[in-house]
Amino acid sequence: MRTNIVLEEDIVREAFKYSRAKTKKDLIHEDTDFDHIAKPVKLRMY
């Protein structure tokens, strides 16, 4: 099944800054694991 989507170019350019994807198709199909850009957070349990 094919789906056509419309992408806003300014959002795509910004997404590529934070992505390892090389193409728009890769960007869309990229895993949503953002561990490579997120800083670990320590949580305190009370």
N, C-alpha and C. Protein backbone atom coordinates (compact mmCIF):
# COMPACT_ATOMS: atom_id res chain seq x y z
N MET A 1 0.84 -1.18 0.00
CA MET A 1 0.00 0.00 0.00
C MET A 1 0.89 1.24 0.00
N ARG A 2 0.55 2.20 -0.82
CA ARG A 2 1.32 3.44 -0.91
C ARG A 2 0.52 4.58 -0.29
N THR A 3 1.25 5.48 0.32
CA THR A 3 0.63 6.66 0.92
C THR A 3 1.42 7.88 0.50
N ASN A 4 0.74 8.88 0.00
CA ASN A 4 1.40 10.14 -0.35
C ASN A 4 1.28 11.08 0.83
N ILE A 5 2.40 11.71 1.18
CA ILE A 5 2.38 12.68 2.26
C ILE A 5 3.02 13.96 1.77
N VAL A 6 2.62 15.07 2.36
CA VAL A 6 3.19 16.37 2.04
C VAL A 6 4.03 16.81 3.23
N LEU A 7 5.28 17.14 2.97
CA LEU A 7 6.21 17.53 4.02
C LEU A 7 6.57 19.01 3.88
N GLU A 8 6.56 19.72 4.98
CA GLU A 8 6.98 21.11 4.97
C GLU A 8 8.51 21.13 4.98
N GLU A 9 9.10 21.79 3.99
CA GLU A 9 10.54 21.76 3.80
C GLU A 9 11.33 22.30 4.99
N ASP A 10 10.83 23.33 5.67
CA ASP A 10 11.56 23.87 6.82
C ASP A 10 11.60 22.87 7.97
N ILE A 11 10.54 22.11 8.13
CA ILE A 11 10.50 21.08 9.18
C ILE A 11 11.42 19.92 8.80
N VAL A 12 11.44 19.56 7.52
CA VAL A 12 12.31 18.48 7.05
C VAL A 12 13.77 18.86 7.26
N ARG A 13 14.14 20.08 6.92
CA ARG A 13 15.53 20.53 7.12
C ARG A 13 15.93 20.45 8.58
N GLU A 14 15.04 20.86 9.48
CA GLU A 14 15.33 20.79 10.91
C GLU A 14 15.44 19.34 11.38
N ALA A 15 14.57 18.49 10.88
CA ALA A 15 14.61 17.07 11.26
C ALA A 15 15.92 16.42 10.85
N PHE A 16 16.44 16.78 9.68
CA PHE A 16 17.71 16.22 9.22
C PHE A 16 18.87 16.62 10.14
N LYS A 17 18.77 17.75 10.81
CA LYS A 17 19.82 18.17 11.75
C LYS A 17 19.96 17.19 12.90
N TYR A 18 18.86 16.56 13.30
CA TYR A 18 18.84 15.67 14.46
C TYR A 18 18.79 14.20 14.07
N SER A 19 18.84 13.93 12.79
CA SER A 19 18.65 12.58 12.30
C SER A 19 19.92 12.03 11.67
N ARG A 20 19.98 10.72 11.60
CA ARG A 20 21.06 10.05 10.88
C ARG A 20 20.61 9.67 9.47
N ALA A 21 19.38 9.99 9.11
CA ALA A 21 18.82 9.64 7.81
C ALA A 21 19.53 10.40 6.70
N LYS A 22 19.60 9.76 5.53
CA LYS A 22 20.23 10.38 4.36
C LYS A 22 19.20 10.84 3.32
N THR A 23 18.00 10.26 3.37
CA THR A 23 16.95 10.63 2.43
C THR A 23 15.66 10.94 3.18
N LYS A 24 14.72 11.57 2.49
CA LYS A 24 13.42 11.86 3.12
C LYS A 24 12.70 10.57 3.48
N LYS A 25 12.81 9.57 2.61
CA LYS A 25 12.17 8.28 2.89
C LYS A 25 12.76 7.68 4.17
N ASP A 26 14.08 7.72 4.30
CA ASP A 26 14.71 7.21 5.52
C ASP A 26 14.26 8.01 6.74
N LEU A 27 14.11 9.30 6.58
CA LEU A 27 13.69 10.16 7.68
C LEU A 27 12.30 9.76 8.17
N ILE A 28 11.40 9.50 7.25
CA ILE A 28 10.03 9.11 7.60
C ILE A 28 10.00 7.75 8.28
N HIS A 29 10.84 6.83 7.82
CA HIS A 29 10.84 5.47 8.35
C HIS A 29 11.80 5.27 9.52
N GLU A 30 12.47 6.34 9.91
CA GLU A 30 13.46 6.23 10.97
C GLU A 30 12.82 5.82 12.30
N ASP A 31 13.54 5.04 13.04
CA ASP A 31 13.10 4.62 14.37
C ASP A 31 12.96 5.85 15.26
N THR A 32 12.04 5.81 16.16
CA THR A 32 11.81 6.95 17.05
C THR A 32 12.64 6.87 18.32
N ASP A 33 13.74 6.16 18.27
CA ASP A 33 14.65 6.05 19.40
C ASP A 33 15.59 7.25 19.37
N PHE A 34 15.40 8.18 20.30
CA PHE A 34 16.18 9.40 20.31
C PHE A 34 17.28 9.39 21.36
N ASP A 35 17.73 8.20 21.76
CA ASP A 35 18.78 8.10 22.77
C ASP A 35 20.06 8.78 22.34
N HIS A 36 20.32 8.87 21.04
CA HIS A 36 21.55 9.47 20.58
C HIS A 36 21.57 10.99 20.73
N ILE A 37 20.41 11.62 21.00
CA ILE A 37 20.39 13.07 21.20
C ILE A 37 19.90 13.47 22.58
N ALA A 38 19.28 12.55 23.29
CA ALA A 38 18.72 12.87 24.60
C ALA A 38 19.75 12.64 25.69
N LYS A 39 19.76 13.51 26.66
CA LYS A 39 20.65 13.33 27.81
C LYS A 39 19.94 12.47 28.85
N PRO A 40 20.68 11.56 29.47
CA PRO A 40 20.04 10.74 30.50
C PRO A 40 19.60 11.59 31.69
N VAL A 41 18.52 11.20 32.29
CA VAL A 41 17.97 11.94 33.42
C VAL A 41 17.89 10.98 34.60
N LYS A 42 18.39 11.43 35.74
CA LYS A 42 18.28 10.61 36.94
C LYS A 42 17.00 11.00 37.67
N LEU A 43 16.22 10.00 38.03
CA LEU A 43 14.97 10.24 38.73
C LEU A 43 15.11 9.78 40.17
N ARG A 44 14.55 10.53 41.07
CA ARG A 44 14.55 10.15 42.47
C ARG A 44 13.20 9.54 42.83
N MET A 45 13.24 8.44 43.51
CA MET A 45 12.01 7.80 43.95
C MET A 45 11.78 8.20 45.39
N TYR A 46 10.60 8.71 45.70
CA TYR A 46 10.27 9.13 47.06
C TYR A 46 9.32 8.17 47.68
